[in-house]
Amino acid sequence: MMLHNRILDVAAGEVLKVVATDPSTTRDIPRFCQFLSHELVLHQELGGEYVYFIRRGQ
């Protein structure tokens, strides 16, 4: 998953903004965060795009 590689570029405690068009991300990204101990700070759906703010865990 591209998100897994990108989150490694962010220091622990920093927030990554993710914009997606795939509706399956509403299921996958919260699970990704829970499984890898990241915090899903905010999730919004804006005009067919899904926007996530993820705070990287340790």
Protein backbone atom coordinates (compact mmCIF):
# COMPACT_ATOMS: atom_id res chain seq x y z
CA MET A 1 0.00 0.00 0.00
CA MET A 2 1.32 3.42 -0.92
CA LEU A 3 0.24 4.84 2.43
CA HIS A 4 2.51 2.47 4.32
CA ASN A 5 5.55 3.76 2.41
CA ARG A 6 4.54 7.41 2.72
CA ILE A 7 3.92 7.32 6.48
CA LEU A 8 7.58 6.35 6.92
CA ASP A 9 8.56 9.78 5.54
CA VAL A 10 6.76 11.48 8.45
CA ALA A 11 8.31 11.77 11.91
CA ALA A 12 6.48 10.27 14.88
CA GLY A 13 3.81 12.69 16.09
CA GLU A 14 3.55 14.55 12.78
CA VAL A 15 0.37 14.56 10.71
CA LEU A 16 0.06 13.27 7.15
CA LYS A 17 -2.78 14.43 4.89
CA VAL A 18 -4.12 11.75 2.55
CA VAL A 19 -6.54 12.46 -0.30
CA ALA A 20 -8.14 9.43 -1.97
CA THR A 21 -10.90 8.76 -4.48
CA ASP A 22 -11.48 5.10 -3.67
CA PRO A 23 -14.45 4.59 -1.33
CA SER A 24 -12.82 1.46 0.13
CA THR A 25 -10.42 3.77 1.96
CA THR A 26 -13.22 4.51 4.43
CA ARG A 27 -12.69 0.94 5.64
CA ASP A 28 -9.00 0.44 4.91
CA ILE A 29 -7.43 3.58 6.37
CA PRO A 30 -9.03 3.32 9.84
CA ARG A 31 -7.91 -0.33 9.99
CA PHE A 32 -4.42 0.66 8.85
CA CYS A 33 -4.23 3.24 11.64
CA GLN A 34 -5.51 0.87 14.29
CA PHE A 35 -3.24 -1.99 13.25
CA LEU A 36 -0.08 0.17 13.15
CA SER A 37 -0.96 2.42 16.14
CA HIS A 38 -1.40 5.64 14.19
CA GLU A 39 -4.13 8.14 15.11
CA LEU A 40 -6.82 8.97 12.59
CA VAL A 41 -7.25 12.63 13.53
CA LEU A 42 -9.91 13.56 10.96
CA HIS A 43 -11.80 12.02 8.06
CA GLN A 44 -13.94 14.05 5.66
CA GLU A 45 -15.69 13.31 2.39
CA LEU A 46 -15.54 16.31 0.07
CA GLY A 47 -17.10 16.09 -3.38
CA GLY A 48 -16.16 12.50 -4.12
CA GLU A 49 -12.76 12.72 -2.45
CA TYR A 50 -11.90 11.22 0.92
CA VAL A 51 -9.56 13.30 3.04
CA TYR A 52 -7.74 11.84 6.03
CA PHE A 53 -5.37 13.37 8.55
CA ILE A 54 -3.22 10.71 10.20
CA ARG A 55 -0.87 11.34 13.12
CA ARG A 56 2.02 8.92 12.96
CA GLY A 57 2.50 6.79 16.03
CA GLN A 58 5.81 5.64 17.45
